[in-house]
């Protein structure tokens, strides 16, 4: 089964990320309803139940190393489209 959404918890906030076309649908709904894909972590269990009940698959995002994060940022910053902004 493909994952539709992943989430990352950082203290009091949890942020969701789309991982599929279906995930983009619920991601956009979250932004329309809440103004953001972030929720208070205290509500995570309830939100996860709602997402799964709606037929979407969701899992916790995999942590990445600082080295991997730096590599990703370097790729973004060196992308010609970024320089056009």
Protein backbone atom coordinates (compact mmCIF):
# COMPACT_ATOMS: atom_id res chain seq x y z
CA UNK A 1 0.00 0.00 0.00
CA UNK A 2 1.36 3.42 -0.99
CA UNK A 3 1.70 6.03 1.71
CA UNK A 4 -0.47 9.10 1.17
CA UNK A 5 0.85 11.30 4.00
CA UNK A 6 3.81 11.36 6.33
CA UNK A 7 4.13 13.45 9.46
CA UNK A 8 6.90 14.85 11.60
CA UNK A 9 6.51 15.79 15.23
CA UNK A 10 8.63 18.59 16.67
CA UNK A 11 7.56 19.39 20.19
CA UNK A 12 4.07 20.82 20.40
CA UNK A 13 3.50 20.79 16.62
CA UNK A 14 3.08 17.99 14.08
CA UNK A 15 3.38 18.75 10.36
CA UNK A 16 1.97 16.61 7.55
CA UNK A 17 3.53 16.13 4.10
CA UNK A 18 1.85 14.72 0.96
CA UNK A 19 3.50 11.60 -0.49
CA UNK A 20 1.00 10.74 -3.25
CA UNK A 21 -1.66 12.37 -5.43
CA UNK A 22 -4.27 11.20 -2.92
CA UNK A 23 -2.12 12.64 -0.14
CA UNK A 24 -2.19 16.01 -1.91
CA UNK A 25 -6.00 15.97 -1.71
CA UNK A 26 -6.13 15.61 2.07
CA UNK A 27 -3.09 17.89 2.49
CA UNK A 28 -4.95 20.68 0.65
CA UNK A 29 -8.07 20.00 2.74
CA UNK A 30 -6.01 20.42 5.91
CA UNK A 31 -4.70 23.76 4.67
CA UNK A 32 -8.21 24.92 3.66
CA UNK A 33 -9.66 23.96 7.04
CA UNK A 34 -6.77 24.89 9.33
CA UNK A 35 -4.73 27.37 7.31
CA UNK A 36 -1.73 25.05 7.57
CA UNK A 37 -0.73 21.38 7.49
CA UNK A 38 0.30 21.71 11.16
CA UNK A 39 -1.64 20.56 14.18
CA UNK A 40 -0.95 20.52 17.89
CA UNK A 41 0.72 17.22 18.73
CA UNK A 42 -1.80 16.65 21.51
CA UNK A 43 -4.40 16.12 18.72
CA UNK A 44 -2.23 13.73 16.68
CA UNK A 45 -3.91 10.48 17.73
CA UNK A 46 -7.38 11.80 16.87
CA UNK A 47 -6.25 13.29 13.53
CA UNK A 48 -4.49 10.05 12.55
CA UNK A 49 -7.70 8.12 13.26
CA UNK A 50 -9.69 10.56 11.11
CA UNK A 51 -7.20 10.32 8.24
CA UNK A 52 -7.20 6.51 8.32
CA UNK A 53 -11.00 6.37 8.65
CA UNK A 54 -11.22 8.52 5.49
CA UNK A 55 -9.25 5.82 3.67
CA UNK A 56 -5.82 7.41 3.51
CA UNK A 57 -2.56 5.81 4.62
CA UNK A 58 -0.23 7.75 6.89
CA UNK A 59 3.02 7.07 8.71
CA UNK A 60 5.68 8.92 10.65
CA UNK A 61 8.35 10.48 8.44
CA UNK A 62 11.79 8.94 8.46
CA UNK A 63 14.42 11.07 10.19
CA UNK A 64 17.27 12.20 8.01
CA UNK A 65 20.83 12.93 9.01
CA UNK A 66 22.29 16.42 9.08
CA UNK A 67 24.55 15.42 6.17
CA UNK A 68 21.55 14.30 4.10
CA UNK A 69 19.63 17.50 4.97
CA UNK A 70 22.61 19.61 3.90
CA UNK A 71 22.81 17.70 0.61
CA UNK A 72 19.13 18.33 -0.08
CA UNK A 73 19.45 22.04 0.73
CA UNK A 74 22.49 22.30 -1.51
CA UNK A 75 20.55 20.75 -4.39
CA UNK A 76 17.68 23.18 -3.85
CA UNK A 77 19.91 26.23 -3.62
CA UNK A 78 21.85 25.21 -6.73
CA UNK A 79 18.72 24.57 -8.78
CA UNK A 80 18.44 27.17 -11.57
CA UNK A 81 14.72 27.61 -10.85
CA UNK A 82 15.53 28.69 -7.31
CA UNK A 83 17.75 31.46 -8.63
CA UNK A 84 14.89 32.76 -10.77
CA UNK A 85 12.82 33.50 -7.65
